Protein backbone atom coordinates (compact mmCIF):
# COMPACT_ATOMS: atom_id res chain seq x y z
CA MET A 1 -32.30 -67.97 -27.97
CA ASN A 2 -29.02 -66.39 -26.53
CA THR A 3 -27.79 -63.78 -28.76
CA SER A 4 -25.35 -62.16 -26.24
CA GLY A 5 -21.99 -62.64 -28.30
CA THR A 6 -23.65 -61.72 -31.56
CA PRO A 7 -22.60 -58.02 -31.42
CA VAL A 8 -19.09 -59.00 -30.44
CA LYS A 9 -18.98 -61.36 -33.34
CA ASN A 10 -20.21 -58.83 -35.54
CA VAL A 11 -17.53 -56.33 -34.65
CA LEU A 12 -14.79 -59.00 -34.94
CA LEU A 13 -15.99 -60.01 -38.36
CA ALA A 14 -15.97 -56.45 -39.58
CA VAL A 15 -12.27 -56.03 -38.09
CA VAL A 16 -11.25 -59.18 -39.85
CA SER A 17 -13.24 -58.06 -43.33
CA ILE A 18 -11.47 -54.43 -43.05
CA LEU A 19 -8.22 -56.11 -42.35
CA PHE A 20 -8.40 -58.33 -45.26
CA VAL A 21 -9.41 -55.76 -47.45
CA VAL A 22 -6.43 -53.61 -46.61
CA VAL A 23 -4.22 -56.68 -46.72
CA ALA A 24 -5.43 -57.62 -49.89
CA SER A 25 -5.26 -54.01 -51.46
CA VAL A 26 -1.58 -53.88 -50.19
CA CYS A 27 -0.84 -57.09 -52.05
CA ALA A 28 -2.38 -56.03 -55.19
CA ASP A 29 -0.22 -52.61 -54.96
CA ARG A 30 2.95 -54.97 -54.94
CA MET A 31 2.00 -57.02 -57.56
CA LEU A 32 1.13 -54.08 -59.76
CA GLY A 33 4.65 -52.66 -59.03
CA PHE A 34 6.28 -55.94 -60.13
CA LEU A 35 4.48 -55.89 -63.46
CA LEU A 36 4.75 -52.24 -63.97
CA ARG A 37 8.04 -51.33 -65.79
CA PRO A 38 9.08 -47.33 -66.16
CA PRO A 39 7.41 -46.09 -69.26
CA ASN A 40 9.23 -45.74 -72.42
CA LEU A 41 10.77 -42.48 -73.57
CA PRO A 42 8.56 -40.16 -76.04
CA ASP A 43 10.37 -39.90 -79.29
CA THR A 44 11.47 -36.38 -79.01
CA VAL A 45 11.32 -33.44 -75.94
CA GLU A 46 13.03 -30.73 -74.82
CA LEU A 47 14.24 -31.39 -71.37
CA ILE A 48 17.10 -28.88 -71.69
CA PHE A 49 18.12 -27.87 -75.25
CA PRO A 50 16.16 -28.35 -78.66
CA PRO A 51 16.10 -31.77 -79.95
CA PHE A 52 18.91 -32.74 -82.40
CA ALA A 53 20.27 -29.57 -82.16
CA GLU A 54 24.24 -29.19 -83.15
CA GLN A 55 26.36 -26.13 -82.10
CA HIS A 56 30.08 -25.38 -83.26
CA PHE A 57 32.27 -23.36 -80.55
CA LYS A 58 35.53 -21.86 -81.29
CA THR A 59 37.17 -19.47 -78.73
CA ILE A 60 40.80 -18.00 -77.75
CA ASP A 61 40.95 -21.55 -75.67
CA PHE A 62 39.42 -24.19 -77.39
CA GLU A 63 37.15 -25.63 -80.24
CA TYR A 64 34.53 -28.22 -79.85
CA THR A 65 30.93 -29.58 -81.26
CA ALA A 66 28.06 -30.06 -78.98
CA ASN A 67 25.41 -32.48 -80.33
CA ILE A 68 22.01 -32.69 -78.38
CA ASN A 69 19.80 -36.14 -78.68
CA SER A 70 16.12 -36.53 -79.11
CA ILE A 71 14.98 -35.81 -75.42
CA GLY A 72 17.34 -32.54 -75.52
CA ILE A 73 20.34 -33.41 -73.34
CA ARG A 74 24.28 -33.24 -74.58
CA ASP A 75 24.79 -37.02 -74.83
CA ARG A 76 24.10 -40.24 -76.75
CA GLU A 77 20.84 -41.37 -78.08
CA LEU A 78 18.96 -43.44 -75.59
CA PRO A 79 16.80 -46.60 -76.18
CA ARG A 80 13.17 -45.76 -75.82
CA GLU A 81 12.72 -48.53 -73.15
CA ARG A 82 14.59 -48.20 -69.82
CA GLY A 83 17.42 -51.06 -69.17
CA ASP A 84 18.64 -52.39 -66.25
CA ALA A 85 21.90 -50.62 -65.95
CA PHE A 86 22.27 -48.48 -62.78
CA ARG A 87 21.17 -45.04 -64.00
CA ILE A 88 22.87 -41.95 -62.75
CA LEU A 89 21.68 -38.36 -63.64
CA ALA A 90 24.43 -35.76 -63.50
CA ILE A 91 22.75 -32.60 -63.12
CA GLY A 92 24.90 -29.44 -63.02
CA ASP A 93 26.20 -26.29 -65.12
CA SER A 94 28.85 -25.83 -67.85
CA TYR A 95 31.39 -28.00 -66.01
CA THR A 96 28.89 -30.81 -66.11
CA TYR A 97 28.09 -30.04 -69.47
CA GLY A 98 31.44 -30.04 -70.45
CA TRP A 99 32.13 -26.32 -71.75
CA GLY A 100 35.04 -26.39 -74.04
CA VAL A 101 35.59 -30.30 -74.53
CA ALA A 102 34.04 -32.90 -76.45
CA GLN A 103 31.42 -35.14 -75.41
CA GLU A 104 33.45 -38.10 -74.61
CA GLU A 105 35.84 -35.97 -72.76
CA THR A 106 32.97 -34.82 -70.43
CA TRP A 107 33.25 -35.99 -66.69
CA PRO A 108 29.99 -38.06 -66.99
CA HIS A 109 31.07 -39.82 -69.92
CA LEU A 110 34.79 -40.53 -68.98
CA LEU A 111 33.13 -41.66 -65.57
CA GLU A 112 30.86 -43.88 -67.11
CA ALA A 113 33.57 -45.68 -69.24
CA GLN A 114 35.88 -46.35 -66.61
CA LEU A 115 33.10 -47.83 -64.05
CA ARG A 116 32.04 -49.91 -66.97
CA GLU A 117 35.51 -51.14 -67.78
CA GLU A 118 35.79 -52.22 -64.25
CA GLY A 119 32.53 -54.66 -64.44
CA HIS A 120 29.73 -52.02 -63.13
CA ASN A 121 26.60 -52.18 -64.75
CA VAL A 122 26.09 -48.38 -64.95
CA GLU A 123 24.83 -45.48 -67.19
CA ILE A 124 25.64 -42.01 -66.74
CA LEU A 125 23.56 -39.01 -68.51
CA ASN A 126 24.82 -35.59 -68.81
CA LEU A 127 22.23 -33.18 -67.67
CA GLY A 128 24.60 -30.31 -67.60
CA LYS A 129 23.60 -27.00 -68.89
CA PRO A 130 25.80 -23.65 -69.02
CA GLY A 131 25.00 -20.72 -67.08
CA THR A 132 22.68 -22.20 -64.65
CA GLY A 133 22.61 -22.78 -60.73
CA PRO A 134 20.44 -24.68 -58.02
CA PRO A 135 17.25 -23.25 -58.70
CA PHE A 136 17.31 -24.59 -62.36
CA TYR A 137 18.81 -27.89 -60.90
CA ALA A 138 15.81 -28.51 -58.68
CA GLU A 139 13.50 -27.56 -61.51
CA LEU A 140 15.33 -29.98 -64.06
CA ALA A 141 14.95 -32.73 -61.28
CA GLU A 142 11.23 -31.98 -61.14
CA ARG A 143 11.13 -33.08 -64.74
CA ALA A 144 13.98 -35.39 -65.46
CA ILE A 145 13.63 -37.92 -62.75
CA PRO A 146 10.17 -38.94 -63.50
CA LEU A 147 11.02 -39.04 -67.17
CA LEU A 148 14.30 -40.64 -66.74
CA ARG A 149 13.83 -42.95 -63.73
CA PRO A 150 17.41 -42.80 -62.38
CA ASP A 151 18.79 -44.86 -59.41
CA MET A 152 20.79 -42.05 -58.51
CA VAL A 153 21.05 -38.25 -59.04
CA ILE A 154 24.47 -36.72 -58.60
CA VAL A 155 24.40 -32.76 -58.26
CA GLY A 156 27.75 -31.32 -59.73
CA MET A 157 27.54 -28.17 -57.30
CA LEU A 158 30.34 -25.98 -58.53
CA GLN A 159 32.27 -24.49 -55.81
CA GLY A 160 31.88 -21.01 -55.60
CA ASN A 161 29.31 -19.67 -58.21
CA ASP A 162 26.55 -22.24 -57.45
CA LEU A 163 26.65 -21.37 -53.76
CA ARG A 164 26.24 -17.59 -54.66
CA ASP A 165 23.45 -18.10 -56.98
CA ALA A 166 21.41 -20.58 -55.06
CA GLY A 167 18.36 -18.41 -56.07
CA PRO A 168 15.87 -16.45 -54.13
CA GLU A 169 14.16 -17.08 -50.55
CA THR A 170 11.69 -20.15 -50.90
CA ALA A 171 10.50 -22.68 -48.44
CA MET A 172 11.59 -26.08 -47.43
CA PRO A 173 9.38 -28.27 -49.26
CA THR A 174 6.66 -30.09 -47.39
CA THR A 175 4.13 -32.91 -48.03
CA GLU A 176 0.61 -33.44 -46.95
CA ASP A 177 0.55 -36.20 -44.39
CA PHE A 178 -2.48 -37.97 -46.09
CA TRP A 179 -0.41 -38.39 -49.40
CA ARG A 180 2.96 -39.09 -47.71
CA GLY A 181 1.16 -42.10 -45.97
CA PHE A 182 -0.72 -43.26 -48.88
CA ARG A 183 2.53 -43.41 -51.03
CA ARG A 184 3.99 -45.69 -48.43
CA ILE A 185 1.11 -48.02 -48.42
CA TYR A 186 0.24 -48.19 -52.05
CA PRO A 187 3.71 -47.12 -53.68
CA SER A 188 2.79 -48.62 -57.25
CA ILE A 189 -0.81 -46.98 -57.32
CA ALA A 190 0.74 -43.54 -56.53
CA GLY A 191 3.44 -44.03 -59.18
CA MET A 192 1.01 -44.72 -61.81
CA MET A 193 -1.02 -41.77 -60.72
CA ARG A 194 2.51 -39.75 -60.95
CA ASP A 195 3.25 -41.54 -64.29
CA MET A 196 -0.20 -40.21 -65.92
CA GLN A 197 0.16 -36.89 -64.65
CA ARG A 198 3.83 -36.99 -66.05
CA GLU A 199 2.75 -38.28 -69.44
CA ARG A 200 0.16 -35.52 -69.80
CA VAL A 201 2.67 -32.78 -69.31
CA GLU A 202 5.23 -34.32 -71.73
CA GLU A 203 2.86 -34.60 -74.25
CA SER A 204 2.30 -30.82 -74.25
CA GLN A 205 5.94 -30.51 -74.46
CA THR A 206 6.84 -33.04 -77.00
CA HIS A 207 8.28 -31.66 -80.30
CA GLU A 208 7.22 -32.55 -83.92
CA LYS A 209 10.01 -34.01 -85.79
CA MET A 210 11.78 -30.80 -86.79
CA PRO A 211 14.95 -29.84 -89.06
CA PRO A 212 18.02 -29.71 -86.56
CA GLN A 213 19.26 -26.42 -85.40
CA VAL A 214 22.71 -25.98 -86.48
CA THR A 215 24.75 -23.04 -85.46
CA THR A 216 28.11 -22.49 -86.52
CA SER A 217 31.27 -21.32 -84.81
CA GLU A 218 31.07 -18.33 -86.40
CA ASP A 219 27.48 -17.68 -85.70
CA ASN A 220 28.13 -18.20 -81.88
CA ARG A 221 31.21 -15.79 -82.38
CA ARG A 222 29.17 -13.28 -83.89
CA TRP A 223 26.42 -13.42 -81.20
CA THR A 224 29.37 -13.30 -78.41
CA ALA A 225 30.87 -10.43 -79.90
CA ASN A 226 27.31 -8.47 -80.16
CA ALA A 227 26.71 -9.30 -76.27
CA ALA A 228 30.26 -8.08 -75.58
CA ALA A 229 29.56 -4.86 -77.35
CA LYS A 230 26.13 -4.47 -75.28
CA PHE A 231 27.92 -4.84 -72.18
CA VAL A 232 30.63 -2.22 -72.95
CA GLU A 233 28.01 -0.06 -74.19
CA ASN A 234 26.08 -0.20 -70.94
CA MET A 235 29.36 0.41 -68.39
CA LYS A 236 29.51 2.97 -66.04
CA ASP A 237 32.52 5.30 -65.84
CA GLU A 238 34.01 3.24 -63.03
CA GLN A 239 33.31 0.13 -64.84
CA ARG A 240 34.60 1.16 -67.98
CA ALA A 241 37.82 2.05 -66.20
CA ARG A 242 38.29 -1.22 -64.98
CA PHE A 243 37.58 -2.75 -68.54
CA GLU A 244 40.43 -0.47 -70.16
CA ALA A 245 42.95 -1.56 -67.47
CA LEU A 246 42.64 -5.46 -68.56
CA GLU A 247 45.62 -6.34 -70.73
CA GLU A 248 44.81 -6.16 -74.69
CA LYS A 249 44.70 -9.89 -75.26
CA VAL A 250 41.93 -10.13 -72.79
CA LYS A 251 39.93 -7.00 -74.17
CA THR A 252 40.59 -8.13 -77.82
CA ALA A 253 39.57 -11.63 -77.32
CA PHE A 254 36.15 -10.35 -75.41
CA LEU A 255 35.40 -7.72 -78.13
CA GLU A 256 35.95 -10.27 -81.22
CA GLY A 257 33.53 -12.82 -79.39
CA SER A 258 36.14 -15.59 -78.62
CA LEU A 259 35.82 -15.25 -74.73
CA ASN A 260 32.87 -15.81 -72.58
CA PRO A 261 31.43 -12.05 -72.49
CA TYR A 262 29.27 -12.81 -69.14
CA MET A 263 32.48 -13.88 -67.34
CA ILE A 264 34.03 -10.51 -68.01
CA ASP A 265 30.89 -8.49 -67.20
CA LEU A 266 30.57 -10.14 -63.90
CA ALA A 267 34.32 -9.23 -63.55
CA ILE A 268 33.53 -5.75 -64.27
CA GLN A 269 30.61 -5.53 -62.34
CA ASP A 270 31.53 -7.37 -59.40
CA PRO A 271 35.27 -8.10 -59.29
CA GLU A 272 35.21 -9.74 -55.63
CA SER A 273 32.76 -12.24 -56.53
CA TYR A 274 35.13 -15.12 -55.92
CA THR A 275 35.59 -13.83 -52.18
CA LYS A 276 32.00 -14.03 -51.37
CA ALA A 277 30.16 -16.72 -49.52
CA THR A 278 33.53 -17.96 -48.17
CA ASP A 279 32.72 -17.51 -44.41
CA PRO A 280 29.98 -19.68 -43.21
CA GLU A 281 29.29 -17.38 -40.50
CA ASP A 282 28.77 -14.45 -42.63
CA PRO A 283 25.03 -13.38 -42.67
CA TRP A 284 24.87 -13.08 -46.37
CA THR A 285 26.54 -16.69 -46.77
CA LYS A 286 23.99 -18.17 -44.47
CA VAL A 287 21.13 -16.79 -46.70
CA CYS A 288 22.94 -18.49 -49.31
CA ILE A 289 23.36 -21.79 -47.66
CA ASP A 290 19.52 -21.82 -46.74
CA ARG A 291 18.56 -21.08 -50.21
CA ALA A 292 20.81 -23.95 -51.49
CA ALA A 293 19.41 -26.31 -48.74
CA ALA A 294 15.84 -25.46 -50.17
CA ARG A 295 16.65 -26.65 -53.40
CA PHE A 296 18.56 -29.63 -52.49
CA ALA A 297 15.44 -30.82 -50.30
CA ALA A 298 13.23 -30.16 -53.18
CA MET A 299 15.20 -32.24 -55.44
CA LYS A 300 15.17 -34.96 -52.44
CA ALA A 301 11.69 -34.79 -52.34
CA VAL A 302 11.02 -35.55 -55.95
CA ALA A 303 13.82 -38.50 -55.76
CA ASN A 304 12.14 -39.92 -52.73
CA LYS A 305 8.73 -40.34 -54.83
CA TYR A 306 10.83 -42.63 -57.20
CA ASN A 307 12.98 -44.32 -54.92
CA CYS A 308 15.98 -42.68 -56.09
CA GLY A 309 19.12 -41.57 -54.22
CA VAL A 310 20.55 -37.82 -54.14
CA ALA A 311 24.33 -36.91 -53.51
CA VAL A 312 26.06 -33.55 -53.92
CA VAL A 313 29.54 -33.39 -55.23
CA VAL A 314 31.59 -30.13 -55.00
CA ILE A 315 33.08 -29.60 -58.30
CA PRO A 316 36.38 -27.45 -57.80
CA GLU A 317 36.51 -24.30 -59.34
CA GLY A 318 40.01 -23.08 -60.68
CA PRO A 319 40.77 -20.02 -58.16
CA TYR A 320 40.20 -22.23 -55.19
CA VAL A 321 42.58 -25.12 -55.96
CA ASN A 322 44.90 -24.06 -58.65
CA THR A 323 47.61 -21.44 -58.64
CA HIS A 324 47.69 -20.67 -62.28
CA ALA A 325 43.80 -20.49 -62.68
CA LEU A 326 43.92 -17.99 -59.65
CA LYS A 327 46.26 -15.86 -61.50
CA ASN A 328 44.55 -16.12 -64.94
CA MET A 329 41.31 -15.16 -63.45
CA ALA A 330 43.20 -11.99 -62.16
CA ARG A 331 43.94 -11.29 -65.59
CA VAL A 332 40.15 -11.07 -66.70
CA GLY A 333 39.59 -8.76 -63.80
CA TYR A 334 38.77 -10.52 -60.73
CA VAL A 335 40.14 -9.73 -57.12
CA MET A 336 42.11 -12.85 -56.60
CA PRO A 337 43.82 -12.89 -53.21
CA GLU A 338 45.94 -15.98 -52.35
CA TRP A 339 43.91 -17.40 -49.28
CA LEU A 340 41.45 -18.55 -51.47
CA LEU A 341 43.71 -21.46 -52.36
CA GLU A 342 43.54 -22.30 -48.64
CA THR A 343 39.69 -21.69 -47.76
CA ASP A 344 37.47 -24.59 -47.10
CA GLY A 345 34.62 -22.10 -46.43
CA VAL A 346 32.93 -22.51 -49.46
CA ASP A 347 32.94 -26.25 -49.05
CA GLN A 348 32.02 -26.16 -45.46
CA SER A 349 28.85 -24.06 -46.57
CA ILE A 350 27.70 -26.42 -48.95
CA LEU A 351 28.13 -29.00 -46.59
CA ILE A 352 26.12 -27.14 -44.26
CA ALA A 353 23.19 -26.65 -46.76
CA CYS A 354 23.43 -30.46 -47.62
CA GLU A 355 23.15 -31.61 -43.91
CA LYS A 356 19.94 -29.14 -43.66
CA ALA A 357 18.33 -30.77 -46.73
CA GLY A 358 19.29 -34.25 -45.64
CA VAL A 359 21.36 -35.14 -48.83
CA SER A 360 24.89 -36.82 -49.02
CA PHE A 361 27.81 -34.37 -49.28
CA PHE A 362 31.24 -35.36 -50.98
CA THR A 363 34.39 -32.94 -51.98
CA VAL A 364 37.44 -33.70 -54.13
CA THR A 365 38.99 -30.21 -53.22
CA GLU A 366 42.14 -31.36 -51.58
CA GLN A 367 42.81 -34.04 -54.33
CA PHE A 368 42.85 -31.19 -56.66
CA ARG A 369 45.16 -28.96 -54.40
CA GLU A 370 47.49 -31.46 -54.76
CA HIS A 371 47.74 -30.52 -58.41
CA ARG A 372 47.68 -26.72 -57.85
CA GLU A 373 50.90 -26.00 -59.82
CA ASP A 374 49.53 -28.04 -63.00
CA ALA A 375 49.01 -24.96 -65.37
CA GLU A 376 47.21 -27.71 -67.67
CA LEU A 377 44.08 -28.30 -65.70
CA TYR A 378 42.04 -25.27 -66.66
CA PHE A 379 41.88 -23.38 -69.88
CA GLU A 380 43.93 -20.17 -69.49
CA LEU A 381 41.39 -17.26 -69.93
CA ASP A 382 37.92 -19.24 -70.13
CA GLY A 383 38.62 -20.82 -66.66
CA HIS A 384 36.98 -24.21 -67.26
CA PRO A 385 38.47 -27.49 -66.80
CA THR A 386 40.13 -28.91 -69.73
CA VAL A 387 40.36 -32.65 -70.77
CA LYS A 388 43.06 -33.06 -68.29
CA GLY A 389 40.93 -31.07 -65.35
CA ASN A 390 38.02 -33.44 -66.35
CA ARG A 391 39.93 -36.65 -65.91
CA LEU A 392 41.33 -35.69 -62.60
CA PHE A 393 37.60 -34.95 -61.49
CA VAL A 394 36.94 -38.39 -62.37
CA GLU A 395 39.88 -40.01 -60.78
CA ALA A 396 38.98 -38.22 -57.36
CA ILE A 397 35.12 -39.01 -57.67
CA LYS A 398 35.12 -42.30 -58.85
CA PRO A 399 35.88 -44.00 -55.33
CA VAL A 400 32.98 -42.18 -54.19
CA ILE A 401 30.63 -43.24 -57.01
CA LYS A 402 31.67 -46.75 -56.61
CA GLY A 403 30.98 -46.58 -52.81
CA LEU A 404 27.35 -45.53 -53.87
CA LEU A 405 27.01 -48.24 -56.35
CA GLU A 406 28.05 -50.93 -53.65
CA LYS A 407 25.19 -49.63 -50.83
């Protein structure tokens, strides 16, 4: 009996069997992905703020109320089940949160409303938090993207402040080659594994139904005044001299709790803050660029796991784009040379960070500088964008977002 071909046949049979198993498993993974939908939202979770909190603010420049929904963001209540709209997460600081304006006048809300009026099936969720920067943005993306399943993340990068506060040194994120390959071959199974892990984390952080936390404008004013008093108490002689040199209106508002105490404290501690990180070739600026790039790359790494895009949009800070904002920031204690209105160094530094991380970059600085003589774009002493400033930002950025939607 001739058996010379048997080993070859056995090898071929084994190869075919392996290929069949691989193809069948890949097909099963794709069918699983077709059947699985994003998990429903938990009843309550503290994504950023305590759920159902309500805060009232009244300062020398504005008065507004912030209402927090059941998942801990300053936005309307979301349905438990993920809909079919193109979902965008707007991650940023107080300029995205909408410090000083009503929820419906924040730029994420205004942008969503205008895009919907033009026929785009889109929803934009406001994930802004005052007083934060790129380290928090990356941390928030790690939690928010798996929970909310966006199609796009827009990082509202505040022009100067966020670059300076990019955080401590951190390595660019890397992924094991094996798991990277596994996710490419079996994206649905990998996604299901991530969901199971996410649900365990969220269950440990889910809140019981509790009475909403409500603070009045007087509560916040009193807290702010106490913070201001502590700052004054800790001032050194040179710092106290700078504080005493401020105009009476500013000092009074600060001590009475009707002006951001951290803004004044930074001006007293580091009056040249706005002139820093304006030269991309400066050694310290290069460190800031690398740190920002690491944060962007971390966000992109999470986004890639969920087939989500990431884009960085520069939000113009008053002294870099507006004559009146420049002068008003000088009134609260900052060194404000006029060349700040002409420099493109801050935007260039953020662009370099985006290129290092491989994320999209957009700026609307020149559109704002076309309105540099408009005194109504930023609050007089607080410095945040007014309703008009938020509307101008939407007008400038909307073509960019529409372009992303059409890709």
